[in-house]
Amino acid sequence: MKRFADLAGQGGLVESLQQAIKSHRVAHAYLVSGEAGSGKKTLALAFAQALLCQEQTATVCGVCSNCRRIEQGTHPDVAVIEPQGGRIRIDEIRTLKDRFALQAYGGSWKVGIIIDAETMTDAAANSLLKLLEEPFGQAVLILLSSSPSKLLPTIVSRCQVVKMQRLSRTQIAAYLEEEEEIPAETALVVAGLADGRLGRAMEVASPKSLAWRERVLAVLAHEDGRGLEALRLAAELDDEPEAIEFAFEVMGSWFRDMLLAATGCPQELIVNQDYFAFLSKEGKLYNEHAYHSAIYQIEDTLRAIRANANRRLALDTLLYLLSDLTSFLKASENHKYGKSSRS
């Protein structure tokens, strides 16, 4: 349920918004910025619930009719706009204006939430600017953006800016253990992959994501996962392209961990905690240039796939090379990052 209580590590933001409601100083527009998976949408919906909650405590009861309808996406006074075909167009902003012009269903606030606000077309952005310049009475606009620099400066200047806070690995791990009952070791791994974003942690903690992680590490960490198994993984990823970005995150974290292990970093800095013993042993077999080279190859391949390179060929090549680091180093002896120190 999208409540303020779900926003672990965001206590300062929550308190500020609650105080605005209690003191009747709610701004007409807010810009919530933060990386993907940082909890922007959760914050926006929780704020909408706090404004419309029938208990009127600013803490969100989560059980009244208004709170439940907002959670279900069916409240007539709360409009959520998302990009269609990658863009938010002027018709959607005009529809929002029309909804704001109507009397509130519950006689109180109207809330408009614009997800990925930076994807507005120029016409949509200019239409929104007019709405910001001439706001309706009990109406609040909440713009969510992971790239606020792409918004018109005149739009940003008319919003109260709220920045999502990054969480520490221990904060995320503790939340996963206590609230989601995830085992401690797995929680630490998930927290490391989430990179400070609780929403992202919830995605990584899903059984499907954890299964993909094990599938990738079966190729990188186990002798029986080499060669043909790497090509099988490439085929599986080619069939499920939505998993590719996460698979590359896992690969990047693996070789980053190998690099850290090679330099003697303590265990708490390692993402793949459950493989720490393996990483400590294997990380010393190559010099640092080897891991820089592997990380570069991973990043370069992902850029190529994003640019519509032949996806299957790119996956085949990368995974086959990385499944045997010795072979990879031989293939890249003349790479700018240097040669292996392994005999």
C-alpha atoms as a PDB file:
ATOM      1  CA  MET A   1       0.000   0.000   0.000  1.00  0.00           C
ATOM      2  CA  LYS A   2       1.400   3.409  -1.003  1.00  0.00           C
ATOM      3  CA  ARG A   3       1.688   5.109   2.364  1.00  0.00           C
ATOM      4  CA  PHE A   4       4.240   7.438   3.942  1.00  0.00           C
ATOM      5  CA  ALA A   5       5.265   4.482   6.095  1.00  0.00           C
ATOM      6  CA  ASP A   6       6.492   2.717   2.945  1.00  0.00           C
ATOM      7  CA  LEU A   7       9.063   5.454   2.307  1.00  0.00           C
ATOM      8  CA  ALA A   8      11.959   4.088   4.346  1.00  0.00           C
ATOM      9  CA  GLY A   9      14.814   6.559   4.707  1.00  0.00           C
ATOM     10  CA  GLN A  10      12.738   9.523   3.488  1.00  0.00           C
ATOM     11  CA  GLY A  11      11.665  10.773   6.926  1.00  0.00           C
ATOM     12  CA  GLY A  12      12.709  14.371   6.308  1.00  0.00           C
ATOM     13  CA  LEU A  13      10.671  14.632   3.097  1.00  0.00           C
ATOM     14  CA  VAL A  14       7.657  12.969   4.670  1.00  0.00           C
ATOM     15  CA  GLU A  15       7.740  15.265   7.707  1.00  0.00           C
ATOM     16  CA  SER A  16       7.997  18.350   5.479  1.00  0.00           C
ATOM     17  CA  LEU A  17       4.973  17.334   3.399  1.00  0.00           C
ATOM     18  CA  GLN A  18       2.944  16.404   6.463  1.00  0.00           C
ATOM     19  CA  GLN A  19       3.739  19.758   8.035  1.00  0.00           C
ATOM     20  CA  ALA A  20       2.620  21.550   4.866  1.00  0.00           C
ATOM     21  CA  ILE A  21      -0.759  19.823   5.127  1.00  0.00           C
ATOM     22  CA  LYS A  22      -1.164  20.522   8.849  1.00  0.00           C
ATOM     23  CA  SER A  23      -0.227  24.197   8.471  1.00  0.00           C
ATOM     24  CA  HIS A  24      -2.391  24.652   5.343  1.00  0.00           C
ATOM     25  CA  ARG A  25       0.654  25.672   3.295  1.00  0.00           C
ATOM     26  CA  VAL A  26       0.483  23.108   0.521  1.00  0.00           C
ATOM     27  CA  ALA A  27       2.170  24.402  -2.646  1.00  0.00           C
ATOM     28  CA  HIS A  28       0.337  24.367  -5.968  1.00  0.00           C
ATOM     29  CA  ALA A  29       3.134  22.401  -7.624  1.00  0.00           C
ATOM     30  CA  TYR A  30       5.915  20.040  -6.581  1.00  0.00           C
ATOM     31  CA  LEU A  31       8.801  18.606  -8.578  1.00  0.00           C
ATOM     32  CA  VAL A  32       9.971  15.280  -7.164  1.00  0.00           C
ATOM     33  CA  SER A  33      13.371  14.327  -8.554  1.00  0.00           C
ATOM     34  CA  GLY A  34      15.310  11.117  -8.116  1.00  0.00           C
ATOM     35  CA  GLU A  35      16.703   8.137  -9.977  1.00  0.00           C
ATOM     36  CA  ALA A  36      14.465   5.417 -11.373  1.00  0.00           C
ATOM     37  CA  GLY A  37      13.369   3.182  -8.530  1.00  0.00           C
ATOM     38  CA  SER A  38      13.975   5.797  -5.836  1.00  0.00           C
ATOM     39  CA  GLY A  39      10.308   5.923  -4.756  1.00  0.00           C
ATOM     40  CA  LYS A  40       9.047   9.060  -6.528  1.00  0.00           C
ATOM     41  CA  LYS A  41       5.675   7.581  -7.459  1.00  0.00           C
ATOM     42  CA  THR A  42       5.219   6.094  -3.995  1.00  0.00           C
ATOM     43  CA  LEU A  43       5.851   9.519  -2.466  1.00  0.00           C
ATOM     44  CA  ALA A  44       3.411  11.232  -4.844  1.00  0.00           C
ATOM     45  CA  LEU A  45       0.601   8.745  -4.199  1.00  0.00           C
ATOM     46  CA  ALA A  46       1.206   8.853  -0.444  1.00  0.00           C
ATOM     47  CA  PHE A  47       0.999  12.652  -0.550  1.00  0.00           C
ATOM     48  CA  ALA A  48      -2.268  12.416  -2.506  1.00  0.00           C
ATOM     49  CA  GLN A  49      -3.606  10.014   0.113  1.00  0.00           C
ATOM     50  CA  ALA A  50      -2.554  12.362   2.929  1.00  0.00           C
ATOM     51  CA  LEU A  51      -4.383  15.264   1.265  1.00  0.00           C
ATOM     52  CA  LEU A  52      -7.582  13.283   0.744  1.00  0.00           C
ATOM     53  CA  CYS A  53      -7.502  10.875   3.687  1.00  0.00           C
ATOM     54  CA  GLN A  54     -10.869  10.941   5.454  1.00  0.00           C
ATOM     55  CA  GLU A  55      -9.158  10.657   8.832  1.00  0.00           C
ATOM     56  CA  GLN A  56      -7.506  14.048   8.148  1.00  0.00           C
ATOM     57  CA  THR A  57      -4.375  13.260  10.166  1.00  0.00           C
ATOM     58  CA  ALA A  58      -1.775  13.898   7.412  1.00  0.00           C
ATOM     59  CA  THR A  59      -0.289  10.499   8.224  1.00  0.00           C
ATOM     60  CA  VAL A  60      -2.418   8.418   5.808  1.00  0.00           C
ATOM     61  CA  CYS A  61      -4.685   5.811   7.388  1.00  0.00           C
ATOM     62  CA  GLY A  62      -4.539   3.583   4.307  1.00  0.00           C
ATOM     63  CA  VAL A  63      -7.945   2.033   4.984  1.00  0.00           C
ATOM     64  CA  CYS A  64     -10.552   4.749   4.319  1.00  0.00           C
ATOM     65  CA  SER A  65     -12.407   4.859   1.019  1.00  0.00           C
ATOM     66  CA  ASN A  66     -10.269   7.680  -0.394  1.00  0.00           C
ATOM     67  CA  CYS A  67      -6.965   6.035   0.528  1.00  0.00           C
ATOM     68  CA  ARG A  68      -8.028   2.716  -0.983  1.00  0.00           C
ATOM     69  CA  ARG A  69      -9.334   4.279  -4.198  1.00  0.00           C
ATOM     70  CA  ILE A  70      -6.101   6.213  -4.689  1.00  0.00           C
ATOM     71  CA  GLU A  71      -4.145   2.999  -4.182  1.00  0.00           C
ATOM     72  CA  GLN A  72      -6.348   1.257  -6.735  1.00  0.00           C
ATOM     73  CA  GLY A  73      -6.068   4.151  -9.199  1.00  0.00           C
ATOM     74  CA  THR A  74      -9.809   4.801  -9.261  1.00  0.00           C
ATOM     75  CA  HIS A  75     -10.210   8.046  -7.299  1.00  0.00           C
ATOM     76  CA  PRO A  76     -11.889  10.702  -9.513  1.00  0.00           C
ATOM     77  CA  ASP A  77      -9.892  13.554  -7.932  1.00  0.00           C
ATOM     78  CA  VAL A  78      -6.462  12.002  -8.588  1.00  0.00           C
ATOM     79  CA  ALA A  79      -5.160  11.913 -12.161  1.00  0.00           C
ATOM     80  CA  VAL A  80      -1.964  10.052 -13.059  1.00  0.00           C
ATOM     81  CA  ILE A  81      -0.384  10.852 -16.420  1.00  0.00           C
ATOM     82  CA  GLU A  82       2.288   8.573 -17.883  1.00  0.00           C
ATOM     83  CA  PRO A  83       4.136   8.764 -21.220  1.00  0.00           C
ATOM     84  CA  GLN A  84       2.396   7.072 -24.135  1.00  0.00           C
ATOM     85  CA  GLY A  85       4.805   5.956 -26.818  1.00  0.00           C
ATOM     86  CA  GLY A  86       7.609   7.572 -24.870  1.00  0.00           C
ATOM     87  CA  ARG A  87       6.067  11.076 -24.771  1.00  0.00           C
ATOM     88  CA  ILE A  88       3.488  13.075 -22.829  1.00  0.00           C
ATOM     89  CA  ARG A  89       1.438  15.098 -25.307  1.00  0.00           C
ATOM     90  CA  ILE A  90      -0.606  18.271 -25.104  1.00  0.00           C
ATOM     91  CA  ASP A  91      -3.984  16.457 -25.152  1.00  0.00           C
ATOM     92  CA  GLU A  92      -3.129  14.781 -21.856  1.00  0.00           C
ATOM     93  CA  ILE A  93      -2.306  18.141 -20.243  1.00  0.00           C
ATOM     94  CA  ARG A  94      -5.515  19.629 -21.600  1.00  0.00           C
ATOM     95  CA  THR A  95      -7.490  16.721 -20.131  1.00  0.00           C
ATOM     96  CA  LEU A  96      -5.810  17.378 -16.781  1.00  0.00           C
ATOM     97  CA  LYS A  97      -6.815  21.053 -16.970  1.00  0.00           C
ATOM     98  CA  ASP A  98     -10.418  20.041 -17.650  1.00  0.00           C
ATOM     99  CA  ARG A  99     -10.409  17.749 -14.617  1.00  0.00           C
ATOM    100  CA  PHE A 100      -8.973  20.494 -12.423  1.00  0.00           C
ATOM    101  CA  ALA A 101     -11.747  22.839 -13.579  1.00  0.00           C
ATOM    102  CA  LEU A 102     -14.443  20.492 -12.221  1.00  0.00           C
ATOM    103  CA  GLN A 103     -15.554  20.580  -8.610  1.00  0.00           C
ATOM    104  CA  ALA A 104     -13.709  18.063  -6.448  1.00  0.00           C
ATOM    105  CA  TYR A 105     -15.623  14.827  -5.894  1.00  0.00           C
ATOM    106  CA  GLY A 106     -14.981  14.905  -2.169  1.00  0.00           C
ATOM    107  CA  GLY A 107     -15.134  18.668  -1.888  1.00  0.00           C
ATOM    108  CA  SER A 108     -11.438  19.001  -1.085  1.00  0.00           C
ATOM    109  CA  TRP A 109      -8.233  18.563  -3.096  1.00  0.00           C
ATOM    110  CA  LYS A 110      -7.577  17.592  -6.681  1.00  0.00           C
ATOM    111  CA  VAL A 111      -4.195  16.031  -7.483  1.00  0.00           C
ATOM    112  CA  GLY A 112      -2.421  15.612 -10.805  1.00  0.00           C
ATOM    113  CA  ILE A 113       0.649  13.366 -10.943  1.00  0.00           C
ATOM    114  CA  ILE A 114       2.841  13.525 -14.057  1.00  0.00           C
ATOM    115  CA  ILE A 115       5.277  10.615 -14.315  1.00  0.00           C
ATOM    116  CA  ASP A 116       8.498  11.158 -16.292  1.00  0.00           C
ATOM    117  CA  ALA A 117       7.604  14.813 -16.731  1.00  0.00           C
ATOM    118  CA  GLU A 118      10.752  15.394 -18.786  1.00  0.00           C
ATOM    119  CA  THR A 119       9.124  13.449 -21.658  1.00  0.00           C
ATOM    120  CA  MET A 120       6.556  16.197 -22.314  1.00  0.00           C
ATOM    121  CA  THR A 121       6.507  17.543 -25.841  1.00  0.00           C
ATOM    122  CA  ASP A 122       7.188  21.271 -26.240  1.00  0.00           C
ATOM    123  CA  ALA A 123       3.469  21.902 -26.725  1.00  0.00           C
ATOM    124  CA  ALA A 124       2.598  19.890 -23.606  1.00  0.00           C
ATOM    125  CA  ALA A 125       5.259  21.683 -21.553  1.00  0.00           C
ATOM    126  CA  ASN A 126       3.990  25.101 -22.629  1.00  0.00           C
ATOM    127  CA  SER A 127       0.421  24.085 -21.837  1.00  0.00           C
ATOM    128  CA  LEU A 128       1.516  22.906 -18.390  1.00  0.00           C
ATOM    129  CA  LEU A 129       3.362  26.180 -17.847  1.00  0.00           C
ATOM    130  CA  LYS A 130       0.126  28.102 -18.351  1.00  0.00           C
ATOM    131  CA  LEU A 131      -1.542  25.871 -15.762  1.00  0.00           C
ATOM    132  CA  LEU A 132       1.284  26.612 -13.320  1.00  0.00           C
ATOM    133  CA  GLU A 133       1.001  30.347 -13.976  1.00  0.00           C
ATOM    134  CA  GLU A 134      -2.744  30.325 -13.307  1.00  0.00           C
ATOM    135  CA  PRO A 135      -3.273  27.532 -10.738  1.00  0.00           C
ATOM    136  CA  PHE A 136      -6.680  26.329  -9.649  1.00  0.00           C
ATOM    137  CA  GLY A 137      -7.624  26.683  -5.977  1.00  0.00           C
ATOM    138  CA  GLN A 138      -7.485  23.345  -4.187  1.00  0.00           C
ATOM    139  CA  ALA A 139      -5.396  21.630  -6.859  1.00  0.00           C
ATOM    140  CA  VAL A 140      -1.872  20.220  -6.593  1.00  0.00           C
ATOM    141  CA  LEU A 141       0.436  19.233  -9.442  1.00  0.00           C
ATOM    142  CA  ILE A 142       3.181  16.705  -8.692  1.00  0.00           C
ATOM    143  CA  LEU A 143       5.810  16.307 -11.403  1.00  0.00           C
ATOM    144  CA  LEU A 144       8.084  13.261 -11.185  1.00  0.00           C
ATOM    145  CA  SER A 145      11.395  13.293 -13.026  1.00  0.00           C
ATOM    146  CA  SER A 146      14.696  11.428 -13.095  1.00  0.00           C
ATOM    147  CA  SER A 147      16.123  14.146 -15.390  1.00  0.00           C
ATOM    148  CA  PRO A 148      14.811  17.499 -14.110  1.00  0.00           C
ATOM    149  CA  SER A 149      17.451  19.371 -16.132  1.00  0.00           C
ATOM    150  CA  LYS A 150      15.436  18.464 -19.248  1.00  0.00           C
ATOM    151  CA  LEU A 151      12.403  20.404 -18.005  1.00  0.00           C
ATOM    152  CA  LEU A 152      11.803  24.036 -18.914  1.00  0.00           C
ATOM    153  CA  PRO A 153      13.509  26.256 -16.325  1.00  0.00           C
ATOM    154  CA  THR A 154      10.279  28.245 -16.080  1.00  0.00           C
ATOM    155  CA  ILE A 155       8.435  25.073 -15.042  1.00  0.00           C
ATOM    156  CA  VAL A 156      11.047  24.164 -12.429  1.00  0.00           C
ATOM    157  CA  SER A 157      10.999  27.697 -10.999  1.00  0.00           C
ATOM    158  CA  ARG A 158       7.258  27.424 -10.337  1.00  0.00           C
ATOM    159  CA  CYS A 159       7.558  24.159  -8.425  1.00  0.00           C
ATOM    160  CA  GLN A 160       8.684  23.347  -4.921  1.00  0.00           C
ATOM    161  CA  VAL A 161      11.558  20.933  -5.554  1.00  0.00           C
ATOM    162  CA  VAL A 162      11.664  17.708  -3.538  1.00  0.00           C
ATOM    163  CA  LYS A 163      14.684  15.452  -3.978  1.00  0.00           C
ATOM    164  CA  MET A 164      14.513  11.777  -3.060  1.00  0.00           C
ATOM    165  CA  GLN A 165      17.302  10.724  -0.723  1.00  0.00           C
ATOM    166  CA  ARG A 166      19.623   7.840  -1.556  1.00  0.00           C
ATOM    167  CA  LEU A 167      19.611   5.119   1.090  1.00  0.00           C
ATOM    168  CA  SER A 168      22.608   3.279   2.471  1.00  0.00           C
ATOM    169  CA  ARG A 169      23.045  -0.401   1.764  1.00  0.00           C
ATOM    170  CA  THR A 170      22.414  -1.210   5.437  1.00  0.00           C
ATOM    171  CA  GLN A 171      19.162   0.790   5.460  1.00  0.00           C
ATOM    172  CA  ILE A 172      17.821  -1.072   2.430  1.00  0.00           C
ATOM    173  CA  ALA A 173      18.974  -4.453   3.726  1.00  0.00           C
ATOM    174  CA  ALA A 174      17.344  -3.824   7.098  1.00  0.00           C
ATOM    175  CA  TYR A 175      14.050  -2.865   5.442  1.00  0.00           C
ATOM    176  CA  LEU A 176      14.089  -6.008   3.275  1.00  0.00           C
ATOM    177  CA  GLU A 177      14.778  -8.207   6.286  1.00  0.00           C
ATOM    178  CA  GLU A 178      12.170  -6.647   8.551  1.00  0.00           C
ATOM    179  CA  GLU A 179       9.371  -5.810   6.122  1.00  0.00           C
ATOM    180  CA  GLU A 180       9.807  -8.405   3.380  1.00  0.00           C
ATOM    181  CA  GLU A 181      11.318 -11.204   5.495  1.00  0.00           C
ATOM    182  CA  ILE A 182      14.210 -11.688   3.083  1.00  0.00           C
ATOM    183  CA  PRO A 183      17.239 -13.601   4.475  1.00  0.00           C
ATOM    184  CA  ALA A 184      20.053 -11.336   5.660  1.00  0.00           C
ATOM    185  CA  GLU A 185      22.642 -12.420   3.089  1.00  0.00           C
ATOM    186  CA  THR A 186      20.214 -12.086   0.173  1.00  0.00           C
ATOM    187  CA  ALA A 187      19.046  -8.713   1.514  1.00  0.00           C
ATOM    188  CA  LEU A 188      22.637  -7.416   1.469  1.00  0.00           C
ATOM    189  CA  VAL A 189      23.132  -8.608  -2.128  1.00  0.00           C
ATOM    190  CA  VAL A 190      19.864  -7.010  -3.253  1.00  0.00           C
ATOM    191  CA  ALA A 191      20.733  -3.778  -1.437  1.00  0.00           C
ATOM    192  CA  GLY A 192      24.083  -3.648  -3.202  1.00  0.00           C
ATOM    193  CA  LEU A 193      22.491  -4.098  -6.624  1.00  0.00           C
ATOM    194  CA  ALA A 194      19.787  -1.514  -5.816  1.00  0.00           C
ATOM    195  CA  ASP A 195      22.392   1.247  -5.514  1.00  0.00           C
ATOM    196  CA  GLY A 196      20.577   3.338  -2.911  1.00  0.00           C
ATOM    197  CA  ARG A 197      17.051   2.952  -4.335  1.00  0.00           C
ATOM    198  CA  LEU A 198      14.442   1.123  -2.282  1.00  0.00           C
ATOM    199  CA  GLY A 199      12.000   0.807  -5.173  1.00  0.00           C
ATOM    200  CA  ARG A 200      14.732  -0.765  -7.264  1.00  0.00           C
ATOM    201  CA  ALA A 201      15.527  -3.109  -4.371  1.00  0.00           C
ATOM    202  CA  MET A 202      11.948  -4.378  -4.403  1.00  0.00           C
ATOM    203  CA  GLU A 203      12.287  -5.164  -8.107  1.00  0.00           C
ATOM    204  CA  VAL A 204      15.637  -6.928  -7.665  1.00  0.00           C
ATOM    205  CA  ALA A 205      14.252  -8.944  -4.742  1.00  0.00           C
ATOM    206  CA  SER A 206      11.587 -10.551  -6.961  1.00  0.00           C
ATOM    207  CA  PRO A 207      12.022 -14.299  -7.552  1.00  0.00           C
ATOM    208  CA  LYS A 208      12.409 -13.716 -11.288  1.00  0.00           C
ATOM    209  CA  SER A 209      15.232 -11.190 -10.877  1.00  0.00           C
ATOM    210  CA  LEU A 210      17.042 -13.361  -8.332  1.00  0.00           C
ATOM    211  CA  ALA A 211      16.742 -16.305 -10.731  1.00  0.00           C
ATOM    212  CA  TRP A 212      18.319 -14.238 -13.512  1.00  0.00           C
ATOM    213  CA  ARG A 213      21.163 -13.278 -11.193  1.00  0.00           C
ATOM    214  CA  GLU A 214      21.908 -16.919 -10.428  1.00  0.00           C
ATOM    215  CA  ARG A 215      21.694 -17.739 -14.135  1.00  0.00           C
ATOM    216  CA  VAL A 216      24.291 -15.074 -14.985  1.00  0.00           C
ATOM    217  CA  LEU A 217      26.623 -16.038 -12.143  1.00  0.00           C
ATOM    218  CA  ALA A 218      26.383 -19.690 -13.154  1.00  0.00           C
ATOM    219  CA  VAL A 219      28.232 -18.657 -16.306  1.00  0.00           C
ATOM    220  CA  LEU A 220      30.720 -16.290 -14.668  1.00  0.00           C
ATOM    221  CA  ALA A 221      31.557 -18.183 -11.488  1.00  0.00           C
ATOM    222  CA  HIS A 222      31.273 -21.907 -12.190  1.00  0.00           C
ATOM    223  CA  GLU A 223      33.476 -24.107 -14.321  1.00  0.00           C
ATOM    224  CA  ASP A 224      30.468 -26.060 -15.615  1.00  0.00           C
ATOM    225  CA  GLY A 225      28.924 -22.798 -16.803  1.00  0.00           C
ATOM    226  CA  ARG A 226      31.533 -22.068 -19.451  1.00  0.00           C
ATOM    227  CA  GLY A 227      31.367 -22.219 -23.243  1.00  0.00           C
ATOM    228  CA  LEU A 228      28.082 -23.615 -24.477  1.00  0.00           C
ATOM    229  CA  GLU A 229      26.295 -22.589 -21.285  1.00  0.00           C
ATOM    230  CA  ALA A 230      27.279 -18.984 -21.988  1.00  0.00           C
ATOM    231  CA  LEU A 231      25.717 -19.223 -25.439  1.00  0.00           C
ATOM    232  CA  ARG A 232      22.545 -20.710 -23.907  1.00  0.00           C
ATOM    233  CA  LEU A 233      22.319 -17.735 -21.583  1.00  0.00           C
ATOM    234  CA  ALA A 234      22.767 -15.378 -24.546  1.00  0.00           C
ATOM    235  CA  ALA A 235      19.859 -17.100 -26.296  1.00  0.00           C
ATOM    236  CA  GLU A 236      17.654 -16.837 -23.190  1.00  0.00           C
ATOM    237  CA  LEU A 237      18.386 -13.120 -22.835  1.00  0.00           C
ATOM    238  CA  ASP A 238      17.717 -12.578 -26.514  1.00  0.00           C
ATOM    239  CA  ASP A 239      14.288 -14.169 -25.991  1.00  0.00           C
ATOM    240  CA  GLU A 240      13.605 -11.979 -22.933  1.00  0.00           C
ATOM    241  CA  PRO A 241      15.168  -8.585 -23.779  1.00  0.00           C
ATOM    242  CA  GLU A 242      13.513  -6.924 -20.766  1.00  0.00           C
ATOM    243  CA  ALA A 243      16.003  -8.874 -18.597  1.00  0.00           C
ATOM    244  CA  ILE A 244      19.101  -7.665 -20.445  1.00  0.00           C
ATOM    245  CA  GLU A 245      19.675  -4.454 -18.468  1.00  0.00           C
ATOM    246  CA  PHE A 246      19.524  -6.331 -15.164  1.00  0.00           C
ATOM    247  CA  ALA A 247      21.806  -9.084 -16.463  1.00  0.00           C
ATOM    248  CA  PHE A 248      24.372  -6.428 -17.394  1.00  0.00           C
ATOM    249  CA  GLU A 249      24.037  -4.886 -13.918  1.00  0.00           C
ATOM    250  CA  VAL A 250      24.877  -8.288 -12.433  1.00  0.00           C
ATOM    251  CA  MET A 251      27.854  -8.730 -14.765  1.00  0.00           C
ATOM    252  CA  GLY A 252      29.153  -5.273 -13.952  1.00  0.00           C
ATOM    253  CA  SER A 253      28.796  -5.859 -10.218  1.00  0.00           C
ATOM    254  CA  TRP A 254      30.639  -9.163 -10.526  1.00  0.00           C
ATOM    255  CA  PHE A 255      33.748  -7.736 -12.160  1.00  0.00           C
ATOM    256  CA  ARG A 256      33.636  -4.672  -9.926  1.00  0.00           C
ATOM    257  CA  ASP A 257      33.672  -7.076  -6.977  1.00  0.00           C
ATOM    258  CA  MET A 258      36.594  -8.972  -8.524  1.00  0.00           C
ATOM    259  CA  LEU A 259      38.465  -5.683  -8.853  1.00  0.00           C
ATOM    260  CA  LEU A 260      37.752  -4.775  -5.233  1.00  0.00           C
ATOM    261  CA  ALA A 261      38.792  -8.225  -4.060  1.00  0.00           C
ATOM    262  CA  ALA A 262      42.015  -7.917  -6.040  1.00  0.00           C
ATOM    263  CA  THR A 263      42.856  -4.727  -4.158  1.00  0.00           C
ATOM    264  CA  GLY A 264      42.035  -6.236  -0.759  1.00  0.00           C
ATOM    265  CA  CYS A 265      38.851  -4.260  -0.004  1.00  0.00           C
ATOM    266  CA  PRO A 266      36.780  -5.385   3.004  1.00  0.00           C
ATOM    267  CA  GLN A 267      33.746  -7.622   2.571  1.00  0.00           C
ATOM    268  CA  GLU A 268      31.172  -4.921   3.318  1.00  0.00           C
ATOM    269  CA  LEU A 269      32.088  -3.169   0.046  1.00  0.00           C
ATOM    270  CA  ILE A 270      31.347  -6.284  -2.008  1.00  0.00           C
ATOM    271  CA  VAL A 271      27.926  -6.515  -3.685  1.00  0.00           C
ATOM    272  CA  ASN A 272      27.850 -10.291  -4.209  1.00  0.00           C
ATOM    273  CA  GLN A 273      28.305 -11.144  -0.533  1.00  0.00           C
ATOM    274  CA  ASP A 274      27.289 -14.787  -0.981  1.00  0.00           C
ATOM    275  CA  TYR A 275      30.282 -15.307  -3.305  1.00  0.00           C
ATOM    276  CA  PHE A 276      32.804 -13.493  -1.127  1.00  0.00           C
ATOM    277  CA  ALA A 277      35.058 -16.518  -0.549  1.00  0.00           C
ATOM    278  CA  PHE A 278      35.174 -17.239  -4.288  1.00  0.00           C
ATOM    279  CA  LEU A 279      35.807 -13.595  -5.160  1.00  0.00           C
ATOM    280  CA  SER A 280      38.612 -13.307  -2.603  1.00  0.00           C
ATOM    281  CA  LYS A 281      40.377 -16.309  -4.106  1.00  0.00           C
ATOM    282  CA  GLU A 282      39.779 -15.658  -7.803  1.00  0.00           C
ATOM    283  CA  GLY A 283      40.230 -11.898  -7.563  1.00  0.00           C
ATOM    284  CA  LYS A 284      43.936 -12.339  -6.892  1.00  0.00           C
ATOM    285  CA  LEU A 285      44.560 -14.353 -10.058  1.00  0.00           C
ATOM    286  CA  TYR A 286      44.585 -11.364 -12.408  1.00  0.00           C
ATOM    287  CA  ASN A 287      45.810  -7.806 -12.245  1.00  0.00           C
ATOM    288  CA  GLU A 288      43.531  -4.794 -12.019  1.00  0.00           C
ATOM    289  CA  HIS A 289      43.806  -4.108 -15.752  1.00  0.00           C
ATOM    290  CA  ALA A 290      41.992  -7.387 -16.426  1.00  0.00           C
ATOM    291  CA  TYR A 291      38.897  -6.296 -14.529  1.00  0.00           C
ATOM    292  CA  HIS A 292      38.926  -2.789 -15.996  1.00  0.00           C
ATOM    293  CA  SER A 293      38.998  -4.428 -19.410  1.00  0.00           C
ATOM    294  CA  ALA A 294      36.066  -6.708 -18.585  1.00  0.00           C
ATOM    295  CA  ILE A 295      33.993  -3.815 -17.164  1.00  0.00           C
ATOM    296  CA  TYR A 296      34.752  -1.719 -20.240  1.00  0.00           C
ATOM    297  CA  GLN A 297      33.642  -4.574 -22.518  1.00  0.00           C
ATOM    298  CA  ILE A 298      30.365  -4.959 -20.596  1.00  0.00           C
ATOM    299  CA  GLU A 299      29.591  -1.231 -20.769  1.00  0.00           C
ATOM    300  CA  ASP A 300      30.555  -1.039 -24.443  1.00  0.00           C
ATOM    301  CA  THR A 301      28.339  -4.000 -25.354  1.00  0.00           C
ATOM    302  CA  LEU A 302      25.347  -2.554 -23.497  1.00  0.00           C
ATOM    303  CA  ARG A 303      25.791   0.762 -25.313  1.00  0.00           C
ATOM    304  CA  ALA A 304      25.851  -1.111 -28.613  1.00  0.00           C
ATOM    305  CA  ILE A 305      22.655  -3.042 -27.774  1.00  0.00           C
ATOM    306  CA  ARG A 306      20.906   0.177 -26.766  1.00  0.00           C
ATOM    307  CA  ALA A 307      21.954   1.616 -30.133  1.00  0.00           C
ATOM    308  CA  ASN A 308      20.223  -1.300 -31.914  1.00  0.00           C
ATOM    309  CA  ALA A 309      23.287  -3.398 -32.683  1.00  0.00           C
ATOM    310  CA  ASN A 310      22.684  -7.076 -33.486  1.00  0.00           C
ATOM    311  CA  ARG A 311      21.540  -8.114 -30.028  1.00  0.00           C
ATOM    312  CA  ARG A 312      22.125 -11.855 -30.298  1.00  0.00           C
ATOM    313  CA  LEU A 313      25.592 -11.450 -31.795  1.00  0.00           C
ATOM    314  CA  ALA A 314      26.572  -8.928 -29.127  1.00  0.00           C
ATOM    315  CA  LEU A 315      25.340 -11.202 -26.328  1.00  0.00           C
ATOM    316  CA  ASP A 316      26.999 -14.292 -27.792  1.00  0.00           C
ATOM    317  CA  THR A 317      30.340 -12.547 -28.142  1.00  0.00           C
ATOM    318  CA  LEU A 318      30.377 -10.921 -24.716  1.00  0.00           C
ATOM    319  CA  LEU A 319      29.163 -13.883 -22.674  1.00  0.00           C
ATOM    320  CA  TYR A 320      31.407 -16.380 -24.448  1.00  0.00           C
ATOM    321  CA  LEU A 321      34.431 -14.178 -23.768  1.00  0.00           C
ATOM    322  CA  LEU A 322      33.537 -13.411 -20.163  1.00  0.00           C
ATOM    323  CA  SER A 323      32.657 -17.013 -19.336  1.00  0.00           C
ATOM    324  CA  ASP A 324      36.399 -17.720 -19.392  1.00  0.00           C
ATOM    325  CA  LEU A 325      38.379 -14.720 -18.237  1.00  0.00           C
ATOM    326  CA  THR A 326      41.680 -16.263 -19.374  1.00  0.00           C
ATOM    327  CA  SER A 327      40.398 -16.531 -22.938  1.00  0.00           C
ATOM    328  CA  PHE A 328      39.013 -13.029 -22.709  1.00  0.00           C
ATOM    329  CA  LEU A 329      42.419 -11.677 -21.711  1.00  0.00           C
ATOM    330  CA  LYS A 330      44.148 -13.510 -24.547  1.00  0.00           C
ATOM    331  CA  ALA A 331      41.626 -12.028 -26.976  1.00  0.00           C
ATOM    332  CA  SER A 332      42.294  -8.535 -25.647  1.00  0.00           C
ATOM    333  CA  GLU A 333      46.074  -8.618 -25.107  1.00  0.00           C
ATOM    334  CA  ASN A 334      46.490  -5.440 -27.095  1.00  0.00           C
ATOM    335  CA  HIS A 335      43.591  -3.658 -25.375  1.00  0.00           C
ATOM    336  CA  LYS A 336      44.445  -0.274 -23.908  1.00  0.00           C
ATOM    337  CA  TYR A 337      43.793  -1.566 -20.386  1.00  0.00           C
ATOM    338  CA  GLY A 338      46.806  -3.907 -20.517  1.00  0.00           C
ATOM    339  CA  LYS A 339      47.656  -7.582 -20.200  1.00  0.00           C
ATOM    340  CA  SER A 340      46.975 -10.232 -17.615  1.00  0.00           C
ATOM    341  CA  SER A 341      49.477 -10.993 -14.922  1.00  0.00           C
ATOM    342  CA  ARG A 342      48.282 -14.587 -14.777  1.00  0.00           C
ATOM    343  CA  SER A 343      50.678 -17.157 -16.228  1.00  0.00           C
END
